[in-house]
Full PDB file with SEQRES, HELIX, SHEET, SSBOND, CRYST1, ORIGX, SCALE, CONECT and MASTER records, all heavy atoms in Angstrom:
SEQRES   1 A   37  ALA SER GLY SER ILE SER SER ILE ALA VAL MET GLY TRP          
SEQRES   2 A   37  TYR ARG GLN ALA PRO GLU LYS GLN ARG GLU LEU VAL ALA          
SEQRES   3 A   37  ILE ILE PRO SER GLY GLY LEU ALA ASP VAL ALA                  
SHEET    1 AA1 3 MET A  11  ARG A  15  0                                        
SHEET    2 AA1 3 GLU A  23  ILE A  28 -1                                        
SHEET    3 AA1 3 ASP A  35  VAL A  36 -1                                        
CRYST1    1.000    1.000    1.000  90.00  90.00  90.00 P 1           1          
ORIGX1      1.000000  0.000000  0.000000        0.00000                         
ORIGX2      0.000000  1.000000  0.000000        0.00000                         
ORIGX3      0.000000  0.000000  1.000000        0.00000                         
SCALE1      1.000000  0.000000  0.000000        0.00000                         
SCALE2      0.000000  1.000000  0.000000        0.00000                         
SCALE3      0.000000  0.000000  1.000000        0.00000                         
ATOM      1  N   ALA A   1      -8.806  63.950   2.131  1.00  0.00           N  
ATOM      2  CA  ALA A   1      -8.308  62.585   1.987  1.00  0.00           C  
ATOM      3  C   ALA A   1      -8.361  61.815   3.258  1.00  0.00           C  
ATOM      4  O   ALA A   1      -8.083  62.380   4.294  1.00  0.00           O  
ATOM      5  CB  ALA A   1      -6.872  62.611   1.482  1.00  0.00           C  
ATOM      6  N   SER A   2      -8.838  60.621   3.178  1.00  0.00           N  
ATOM      7  CA  SER A   2      -8.886  59.698   4.329  1.00  0.00           C  
ATOM      8  C   SER A   2      -8.073  58.441   4.063  1.00  0.00           C  
ATOM      9  O   SER A   2      -7.920  57.970   2.894  1.00  0.00           O  
ATOM     10  CB  SER A   2     -10.363  59.372   4.645  1.00  0.00           C  
ATOM     11  OG  SER A   2     -10.942  58.670   3.553  1.00  0.00           O  
ATOM     12  N   GLY A   3      -7.550  57.928   5.150  1.00  0.00           N  
ATOM     13  CA  GLY A   3      -6.756  56.681   4.951  1.00  0.00           C  
ATOM     14  C   GLY A   3      -5.361  57.019   5.505  1.00  0.00           C  
ATOM     15  O   GLY A   3      -5.071  58.011   6.160  1.00  0.00           O  
ATOM     16  N   SER A   4      -4.375  56.167   5.045  1.00  0.00           N  
ATOM     17  CA  SER A   4      -3.013  56.373   5.383  1.00  0.00           C  
ATOM     18  C   SER A   4      -2.303  57.312   4.427  1.00  0.00           C  
ATOM     19  O   SER A   4      -2.026  56.900   3.243  1.00  0.00           O  
ATOM     20  CB  SER A   4      -2.312  54.977   5.366  1.00  0.00           C  
ATOM     21  OG  SER A   4      -0.950  55.139   5.797  1.00  0.00           O  
ATOM     22  N   ILE A   5      -2.099  58.518   4.818  1.00  0.00           N  
ATOM     23  CA  ILE A   5      -1.565  59.567   3.986  1.00  0.00           C  
ATOM     24  C   ILE A   5      -0.148  59.868   4.376  1.00  0.00           C  
ATOM     25  O   ILE A   5       0.162  60.140   5.541  1.00  0.00           O  
ATOM     26  CB  ILE A   5      -2.384  60.770   3.990  1.00  0.00           C  
ATOM     27  CG1 ILE A   5      -3.872  60.487   3.782  1.00  0.00           C  
ATOM     28  CG2 ILE A   5      -1.907  61.845   3.037  1.00  0.00           C  
ATOM     29  CD1 ILE A   5      -4.190  59.789   2.418  1.00  0.00           C  
ATOM     30  N   SER A   6       0.783  59.808   3.408  1.00  0.00           N  
ATOM     31  CA  SER A   6       2.174  60.096   3.677  1.00  0.00           C  
ATOM     32  C   SER A   6       2.328  61.549   3.947  1.00  0.00           C  
ATOM     33  O   SER A   6       1.586  62.413   3.414  1.00  0.00           O  
ATOM     34  CB  SER A   6       2.942  59.730   2.394  1.00  0.00           C  
ATOM     35  OG  SER A   6       4.220  60.347   2.468  1.00  0.00           O  
ATOM     36  N   SER A   7       3.341  61.873   4.789  1.00  0.00           N  
ATOM     37  CA  SER A   7       3.650  63.308   5.080  1.00  0.00           C  
ATOM     38  C   SER A   7       4.198  64.023   3.846  1.00  0.00           C  
ATOM     39  O   SER A   7       4.211  65.280   3.848  1.00  0.00           O  
ATOM     40  CB  SER A   7       4.576  63.356   6.168  1.00  0.00           C  
ATOM     41  OG  SER A   7       5.865  62.725   5.897  1.00  0.00           O  
ATOM     42  N   ILE A   8       4.598  63.283   2.867  1.00  0.00           N  
ATOM     43  CA  ILE A   8       5.131  63.971   1.662  1.00  0.00           C  
ATOM     44  C   ILE A   8       4.240  63.765   0.431  1.00  0.00           C  
ATOM     45  O   ILE A   8       4.672  63.924  -0.748  1.00  0.00           O  
ATOM     46  CB  ILE A   8       6.580  63.446   1.232  1.00  0.00           C  
ATOM     47  CG1 ILE A   8       6.552  61.905   1.055  1.00  0.00           C  
ATOM     48  CG2 ILE A   8       7.523  63.795   2.445  1.00  0.00           C  
ATOM     49  CD1 ILE A   8       7.851  61.411   0.532  1.00  0.00           C  
ATOM     50  N   ALA A   9       3.032  63.376   0.739  1.00  0.00           N  
ATOM     51  CA  ALA A   9       2.069  63.271  -0.378  1.00  0.00           C  
ATOM     52  C   ALA A   9       1.785  64.556  -1.119  1.00  0.00           C  
ATOM     53  O   ALA A   9       1.784  65.603  -0.506  1.00  0.00           O  
ATOM     54  CB  ALA A   9       0.634  62.722   0.125  1.00  0.00           C  
ATOM     55  N   VAL A  10       1.624  64.443  -2.380  1.00  0.00           N  
ATOM     56  CA  VAL A  10       1.287  65.622  -3.220  1.00  0.00           C  
ATOM     57  C   VAL A  10      -0.167  65.612  -3.548  1.00  0.00           C  
ATOM     58  O   VAL A  10      -0.767  64.630  -3.864  1.00  0.00           O  
ATOM     59  CB  VAL A  10       2.159  65.630  -4.489  1.00  0.00           C  
ATOM     60  CG1 VAL A  10       1.772  66.792  -5.488  1.00  0.00           C  
ATOM     61  CG2 VAL A  10       3.584  65.516  -4.294  1.00  0.00           C  
ATOM     62  N   MET A  11      -0.776  66.750  -3.331  1.00  0.00           N  
ATOM     63  CA  MET A  11      -2.223  66.920  -3.624  1.00  0.00           C  
ATOM     64  C   MET A  11      -2.448  67.937  -4.670  1.00  0.00           C  
ATOM     65  O   MET A  11      -1.598  68.877  -4.920  1.00  0.00           O  
ATOM     66  CB  MET A  11      -3.003  67.326  -2.288  1.00  0.00           C  
ATOM     67  CG  MET A  11      -2.771  66.434  -1.212  1.00  0.00           C  
ATOM     68  SD  MET A  11      -3.866  66.717   0.217  1.00  0.00           S  
ATOM     69  CE  MET A  11      -5.380  66.049  -0.339  1.00  0.00           C  
ATOM     70  N   GLY A  12      -3.544  67.797  -5.407  1.00  0.00           N  
ATOM     71  CA  GLY A  12      -3.794  68.787  -6.486  1.00  0.00           C  
ATOM     72  C   GLY A  12      -5.117  68.661  -7.052  1.00  0.00           C  
ATOM     73  O   GLY A  12      -6.009  67.922  -6.507  1.00  0.00           O  
ATOM     74  N   TRP A  13      -5.359  69.428  -8.125  1.00  0.00           N  
ATOM     75  CA  TRP A  13      -6.612  69.566  -8.804  1.00  0.00           C  
ATOM     76  C   TRP A  13      -6.405  69.482 -10.331  1.00  0.00           C  
ATOM     77  O   TRP A  13      -5.429  70.097 -10.848  1.00  0.00           O  
ATOM     78  CB  TRP A  13      -7.328  70.849  -8.517  1.00  0.00           C  
ATOM     79  CG  TRP A  13      -7.798  70.998  -7.081  1.00  0.00           C  
ATOM     80  CD1 TRP A  13      -7.176  71.583  -6.077  1.00  0.00           C  
ATOM     81  CD2 TRP A  13      -9.037  70.453  -6.538  1.00  0.00           C  
ATOM     82  NE1 TRP A  13      -7.856  71.485  -4.998  1.00  0.00           N  
ATOM     83  CE2 TRP A  13      -9.090  70.815  -5.219  1.00  0.00           C  
ATOM     84  CE3 TRP A  13     -10.114  69.844  -7.123  1.00  0.00           C  
ATOM     85  CZ2 TRP A  13     -10.131  70.535  -4.392  1.00  0.00           C  
ATOM     86  CZ3 TRP A  13     -11.178  69.487  -6.319  1.00  0.00           C  
ATOM     87  CH2 TRP A  13     -11.128  69.856  -4.924  1.00  0.00           C  
ATOM     88  N   TYR A  14      -7.192  68.650 -10.974  1.00  0.00           N  
ATOM     89  CA  TYR A  14      -7.211  68.633 -12.389  1.00  0.00           C  
ATOM     90  C   TYR A  14      -8.626  68.914 -12.855  1.00  0.00           C  
ATOM     91  O   TYR A  14      -9.608  68.968 -12.082  1.00  0.00           O  
ATOM     92  CB  TYR A  14      -6.918  67.169 -12.890  1.00  0.00           C  
ATOM     93  CG  TYR A  14      -5.373  66.779 -12.696  1.00  0.00           C  
ATOM     94  CD1 TYR A  14      -4.837  66.628 -11.432  1.00  0.00           C  
ATOM     95  CD2 TYR A  14      -4.605  66.660 -13.844  1.00  0.00           C  
ATOM     96  CE1 TYR A  14      -3.513  66.310 -11.263  1.00  0.00           C  
ATOM     97  CE2 TYR A  14      -3.235  66.250 -13.716  1.00  0.00           C  
ATOM     98  CZ  TYR A  14      -2.770  66.108 -12.425  1.00  0.00           C  
ATOM     99  OH  TYR A  14      -1.379  65.745 -12.267  1.00  0.00           O  
ATOM    100  N   ARG A  15      -8.780  69.153 -14.129  1.00  0.00           N  
ATOM    101  CA  ARG A  15     -10.177  69.369 -14.661  1.00  0.00           C  
ATOM    102  C   ARG A  15     -10.220  68.862 -16.041  1.00  0.00           C  
ATOM    103  O   ARG A  15      -9.281  68.666 -16.763  1.00  0.00           O  
ATOM    104  CB  ARG A  15     -10.433  70.874 -14.696  1.00  0.00           C  
ATOM    105  CG  ARG A  15      -9.603  71.743 -15.698  1.00  0.00           C  
ATOM    106  CD  ARG A  15      -9.930  73.180 -15.508  1.00  0.00           C  
ATOM    107  NE  ARG A  15      -9.228  73.996 -16.573  1.00  0.00           N  
ATOM    108  CZ  ARG A  15      -9.263  75.344 -16.525  1.00  0.00           C  
ATOM    109  NH1 ARG A  15     -10.038  76.018 -15.632  1.00  0.00           N  
ATOM    110  NH2 ARG A  15      -8.564  76.017 -17.390  1.00  0.00           N  
ATOM    111  N   GLN A  16     -11.489  68.574 -16.435  1.00  0.00           N  
ATOM    112  CA  GLN A  16     -11.752  68.028 -17.710  1.00  0.00           C  
ATOM    113  C   GLN A  16     -13.047  68.645 -18.274  1.00  0.00           C  
ATOM    114  O   GLN A  16     -14.099  68.452 -17.763  1.00  0.00           O  
ATOM    115  CB  GLN A  16     -11.923  66.467 -17.657  1.00  0.00           C  
ATOM    116  CG  GLN A  16     -12.031  65.807 -19.089  1.00  0.00           C  
ATOM    117  CD  GLN A  16     -11.805  64.298 -19.063  1.00  0.00           C  
ATOM    118  OE1 GLN A  16     -11.890  63.706 -18.007  1.00  0.00           O  
ATOM    119  NE2 GLN A  16     -11.557  63.750 -20.181  1.00  0.00           N  
ATOM    120  N   ALA A  17     -12.830  69.369 -19.383  1.00  0.00           N  
ATOM    121  CA  ALA A  17     -13.869  70.010 -20.072  1.00  0.00           C  
ATOM    122  C   ALA A  17     -14.521  69.011 -21.056  1.00  0.00           C  
ATOM    123  O   ALA A  17     -13.770  68.080 -21.460  1.00  0.00           O  
ATOM    124  CB  ALA A  17     -13.511  71.260 -20.758  1.00  0.00           C  
ATOM    125  N   PRO A  18     -15.790  69.234 -21.510  1.00  0.00           N  
ATOM    126  CA  PRO A  18     -16.336  68.302 -22.543  1.00  0.00           C  
ATOM    127  C   PRO A  18     -15.495  68.069 -23.797  1.00  0.00           C  
ATOM    128  O   PRO A  18     -14.962  69.163 -24.239  1.00  0.00           O  
ATOM    129  CB  PRO A  18     -17.697  68.978 -22.774  1.00  0.00           C  
ATOM    130  CG  PRO A  18     -18.011  69.718 -21.600  1.00  0.00           C  
ATOM    131  CD  PRO A  18     -16.678  70.228 -21.092  1.00  0.00           C  
ATOM    132  N   GLU A  19     -15.171  66.952 -24.156  1.00  0.00           N  
ATOM    133  CA  GLU A  19     -14.492  66.605 -25.301  1.00  0.00           C  
ATOM    134  C   GLU A  19     -13.028  67.040 -25.352  1.00  0.00           C  
ATOM    135  O   GLU A  19     -12.413  67.253 -26.328  1.00  0.00           O  
ATOM    136  CB  GLU A  19     -15.232  67.163 -26.597  1.00  0.00           C  
ATOM    137  CG  GLU A  19     -16.650  66.682 -26.796  1.00  0.00           C  
ATOM    138  CD  GLU A  19     -17.255  67.206 -28.006  1.00  0.00           C  
ATOM    139  OE1 GLU A  19     -16.610  68.009 -28.736  1.00  0.00           O  
ATOM    140  OE2 GLU A  19     -18.350  66.837 -28.288  1.00  0.00           O  
ATOM    141  N   LYS A  20     -12.545  67.312 -24.094  1.00  0.00           N  
ATOM    142  CA  LYS A  20     -11.112  67.694 -23.916  1.00  0.00           C  
ATOM    143  C   LYS A  20     -10.493  66.750 -22.942  1.00  0.00           C  
ATOM    144  O   LYS A  20     -11.121  66.025 -22.198  1.00  0.00           O  
ATOM    145  CB  LYS A  20     -11.001  69.120 -23.411  1.00  0.00           C  
ATOM    146  CG  LYS A  20     -11.414  70.154 -24.437  1.00  0.00           C  
ATOM    147  CD  LYS A  20     -11.016  71.497 -23.948  1.00  0.00           C  
ATOM    148  CE  LYS A  20     -11.383  72.563 -25.031  1.00  0.00           C  
ATOM    149  NZ  LYS A  20     -11.099  73.914 -24.560  1.00  0.00           N  
ATOM    150  N   GLN A  21      -9.148  66.651 -23.001  1.00  0.00           N  
ATOM    151  CA  GLN A  21      -8.399  65.842 -22.093  1.00  0.00           C  
ATOM    152  C   GLN A  21      -8.333  66.350 -20.738  1.00  0.00           C  
ATOM    153  O   GLN A  21      -8.440  67.650 -20.598  1.00  0.00           O  
ATOM    154  CB  GLN A  21      -6.994  65.554 -22.621  1.00  0.00           C  
ATOM    155  CG  GLN A  21      -6.924  64.776 -23.867  1.00  0.00           C  
ATOM    156  CD  GLN A  21      -5.506  64.359 -24.293  1.00  0.00           C  
ATOM    157  OE1 GLN A  21      -4.539  65.154 -23.978  1.00  0.00           O  
ATOM    158  NE2 GLN A  21      -5.328  63.209 -24.947  1.00  0.00           N  
ATOM    159  N   ARG A  22      -8.178  65.571 -19.767  1.00  0.00           N  
ATOM    160  CA  ARG A  22      -7.988  66.009 -18.389  1.00  0.00           C  
ATOM    161  C   ARG A  22      -6.702  66.809 -18.310  1.00  0.00           C  
ATOM    162  O   ARG A  22      -5.645  66.399 -18.856  1.00  0.00           O  
ATOM    163  CB  ARG A  22      -7.971  64.973 -17.361  1.00  0.00           C  
ATOM    164  CG  ARG A  22      -8.036  65.276 -15.926  1.00  0.00           C  
ATOM    165  CD  ARG A  22      -8.299  64.066 -15.049  1.00  0.00           C  
ATOM    166  NE  ARG A  22      -9.483  63.468 -15.294  1.00  0.00           N  
ATOM    167  CZ  ARG A  22     -10.045  62.382 -14.566  1.00  0.00           C  
ATOM    168  NH1 ARG A  22      -9.315  62.041 -13.487  1.00  0.00           N  
ATOM    169  NH2 ARG A  22     -11.140  61.844 -14.891  1.00  0.00           N  
ATOM    170  N   GLU A  23      -6.688  68.003 -17.622  1.00  0.00           N  
ATOM    171  CA  GLU A  23      -5.494  68.842 -17.518  1.00  0.00           C  
ATOM    172  C   GLU A  23      -5.305  69.196 -16.078  1.00  0.00           C  
ATOM    173  O   GLU A  23      -6.115  69.347 -15.290  1.00  0.00           O  
ATOM    174  CB  GLU A  23      -5.699  70.080 -18.454  1.00  0.00           C  
ATOM    175  CG  GLU A  23      -6.824  70.975 -17.995  1.00  0.00           C  
ATOM    176  CD  GLU A  23      -6.877  72.257 -18.777  1.00  0.00           C  
ATOM    177  OE1 GLU A  23      -6.102  72.415 -19.774  1.00  0.00           O  
ATOM    178  OE2 GLU A  23      -7.811  73.128 -18.458  1.00  0.00           O  
ATOM    179  N   LEU A  24      -4.014  69.438 -15.840  1.00  0.00           N  
ATOM    180  CA  LEU A  24      -3.601  69.902 -14.527  1.00  0.00           C  
ATOM    181  C   LEU A  24      -3.998  71.321 -14.265  1.00  0.00           C  
ATOM    182  O   LEU A  24      -3.776  72.196 -15.144  1.00  0.00           O  
ATOM    183  CB  LEU A  24      -2.082  69.805 -14.344  1.00  0.00           C  
ATOM    184  CG  LEU A  24      -1.442  70.377 -13.125  1.00  0.00           C  
ATOM    185  CD1 LEU A  24      -1.854  69.609 -11.842  1.00  0.00           C  
ATOM    186  CD2 LEU A  24       0.058  70.467 -13.199  1.00  0.00           C  
ATOM    187  N   VAL A  25      -4.529  71.574 -13.120  1.00  0.00           N  
ATOM    188  CA  VAL A  25      -4.925  72.906 -12.719  1.00  0.00           C  
ATOM    189  C   VAL A  25      -3.847  73.459 -11.734  1.00  0.00           C  
ATOM    190  O   VAL A  25      -3.312  74.529 -11.887  1.00  0.00           O  
ATOM    191  CB  VAL A  25      -6.297  73.036 -12.073  1.00  0.00           C  
ATOM    192  CG1 VAL A  25      -6.605  74.449 -11.634  1.00  0.00           C  
ATOM    193  CG2 VAL A  25      -7.333  72.577 -13.121  1.00  0.00           C  
ATOM    194  N   ALA A  26      -3.595  72.686 -10.640  1.00  0.00           N  
ATOM    195  CA  ALA A  26      -2.678  73.139  -9.690  1.00  0.00           C  
ATOM    196  C   ALA A  26      -2.325  71.946  -8.784  1.00  0.00           C  
ATOM    197  O   ALA A  26      -3.098  71.054  -8.541  1.00  0.00           O  
ATOM    198  CB  ALA A  26      -3.259  74.211  -8.869  1.00  0.00           C  
ATOM    199  N   ILE A  27      -1.025  71.900  -8.319  1.00  0.00           N  
ATOM    200  CA  ILE A  27      -0.629  70.856  -7.383  1.00  0.00           C  
ATOM    201  C   ILE A  27       0.169  71.633  -6.293  1.00  0.00           C  
ATOM    202  O   ILE A  27       0.707  72.665  -6.448  1.00  0.00           O  
ATOM    203  CB  ILE A  27       0.262  69.798  -8.043  1.00  0.00           C  
ATOM    204  CG1 ILE A  27       1.519  70.428  -8.736  1.00  0.00           C  
ATOM    205  CG2 ILE A  27      -0.535  69.043  -9.001  1.00  0.00           C  
ATOM    206  CD1 ILE A  27       2.515  69.401  -9.204  1.00  0.00           C  
ATOM    207  N   ILE A  28       0.202  70.882  -5.126  1.00  0.00           N  
ATOM    208  CA  ILE A  28       0.984  71.496  -3.982  1.00  0.00           C  
ATOM    209  C   ILE A  28       1.525  70.306  -3.192  1.00  0.00           C  
ATOM    210  O   ILE A  28       0.740  69.520  -2.665  1.00  0.00           O  
ATOM    211  CB  ILE A  28       0.012  72.373  -3.175  1.00  0.00           C  
ATOM    212  CG1 ILE A  28       0.754  73.024  -2.008  1.00  0.00           C  
ATOM    213  CG2 ILE A  28      -1.190  71.618  -2.663  1.00  0.00           C  
ATOM    214  CD1 ILE A  28       0.014  74.162  -1.321  1.00  0.00           C  
ATOM    215  N   PRO A  29       2.877  70.318  -3.020  1.00  0.00           N  
ATOM    216  CA  PRO A  29       3.504  69.282  -2.149  1.00  0.00           C  
ATOM    217  C   PRO A  29       3.204  69.667  -0.754  1.00  0.00           C  
ATOM    218  O   PRO A  29       2.701  70.750  -0.402  1.00  0.00           O  
ATOM    219  CB  PRO A  29       4.956  69.492  -2.538  1.00  0.00           C  
ATOM    220  CG  PRO A  29       5.021  70.275  -3.777  1.00  0.00           C  
ATOM    221  CD  PRO A  29       3.842  71.035  -3.788  1.00  0.00           C  
ATOM    222  N   SER A  30       3.532  68.778   0.206  1.00  0.00           N  
ATOM    223  CA  SER A  30       3.303  68.991   1.530  1.00  0.00           C  
ATOM    224  C   SER A  30       4.033  70.222   2.229  1.00  0.00           C  
ATOM    225  O   SER A  30       3.460  70.876   3.054  1.00  0.00           O  
ATOM    226  CB  SER A  30       3.526  67.748   2.435  1.00  0.00           C  
ATOM    227  OG  SER A  30       4.888  67.503   2.296  1.00  0.00           O  
ATOM    228  N   GLY A  31       5.151  70.430   1.681  1.00  0.00           N  
ATOM    229  CA  GLY A  31       5.928  71.530   2.232  1.00  0.00           C  
ATOM    230  C   GLY A  31       6.658  72.398   1.249  1.00  0.00           C  
ATOM    231  O   GLY A  31       7.471  73.220   1.530  1.00  0.00           O  
ATOM    232  N   GLY A  32       6.211  72.225  -0.027  1.00  0.00           N  
ATOM    233  CA  GLY A  32       6.881  73.000  -1.126  1.00  0.00           C  
ATOM    234  C   GLY A  32       6.027  73.990  -1.716  1.00  0.00           C  
ATOM    235  O   GLY A  32       4.906  74.327  -1.285  1.00  0.00           O  
ATOM    236  N   LEU A  33       6.496  74.526  -2.793  1.00  0.00           N  
ATOM    237  CA  LEU A  33       5.788  75.592  -3.575  1.00  0.00           C  
ATOM    238  C   LEU A  33       4.712  75.013  -4.445  1.00  0.00           C  
ATOM    239  O   LEU A  33       4.878  73.953  -5.018  1.00  0.00           O  
ATOM    240  CB  LEU A  33       6.724  76.424  -4.394  1.00  0.00           C  
ATOM    241  CG  LEU A  33       7.801  77.207  -3.585  1.00  0.00           C  
ATOM    242  CD1 LEU A  33       8.712  77.951  -4.638  1.00  0.00           C  
ATOM    243  CD2 LEU A  33       7.128  78.301  -2.739  1.00  0.00           C  
ATOM    244  N   ALA A  34       3.673  75.696  -4.497  1.00  0.00           N  
ATOM    245  CA  ALA A  34       2.538  75.231  -5.342  1.00  0.00           C  
ATOM    246  C   ALA A  34       2.870  75.509  -6.831  1.00  0.00           C  
ATOM    247  O   ALA A  34       3.702  76.490  -7.069  1.00  0.00           O  
ATOM    248  CB  ALA A  34       1.155  75.964  -5.014  1.00  0.00           C  
ATOM    249  N   ASP A  35       2.259  74.752  -7.717  1.00  0.00           N  
ATOM    250  CA  ASP A  35       2.434  74.941  -9.119  1.00  0.00           C  
ATOM    251  C   ASP A  35       1.067  75.108  -9.729  1.00  0.00           C  
ATOM    252  O   ASP A  35       0.233  74.212  -9.503  1.00  0.00           O  
ATOM    253  CB  ASP A  35       3.177  73.747  -9.759  1.00  0.00           C  
ATOM    254  CG  ASP A  35       3.560  74.030 -11.249  1.00  0.00           C  
ATOM    255  OD1 ASP A  35       3.582  75.248 -11.629  1.00  0.00           O  
ATOM    256  OD2 ASP A  35       3.843  73.040 -11.951  1.00  0.00           O  
ATOM    257  N   VAL A  36       0.823  76.176 -10.438  1.00  0.00           N  
ATOM    258  CA  VAL A  36      -0.472  76.573 -10.990  1.00  0.00           C  
ATOM    259  C   VAL A  36      -0.301  76.646 -12.512  1.00  0.00           C  
ATOM    260  O   VAL A  36       0.520  77.202 -13.072  1.00  0.00           O  
ATOM    261  CB  VAL A  36      -0.918  77.796 -10.355  1.00  0.00           C  
ATOM    262  CG1 VAL A  36      -2.428  78.150 -10.954  1.00  0.00           C  
ATOM    263  CG2 VAL A  36      -1.029  77.715  -8.896  1.00  0.00           C  
ATOM    264  N   ALA A  37      -1.375  76.101 -13.250  1.00  0.00           N  
ATOM    265  CA  ALA A  37      -1.308  76.187 -14.732  1.00  0.00           C  
ATOM    266  C   ALA A  37      -1.351  77.665 -15.151  1.00  0.00           C  
ATOM    267  O   ALA A  37      -2.053  78.493 -14.428  1.00  0.00           O  
ATOM    268  CB  ALA A  37      -2.507  75.456 -15.283  1.00  0.00           C  
TER     269      ALA A  37                                                      
MASTER        0    0    0    0    3    0    0    6  268    1    0    3          
END                                                                             
């Protein structure tokens, strides 16, 4: 990520398969525990 990024920004990954809705794969806060599908 580039630009002005907060120290508490949450980053993650989503995915979208053909003909399906976008879904959460995993997220990770800046200092917390990750959450994985």
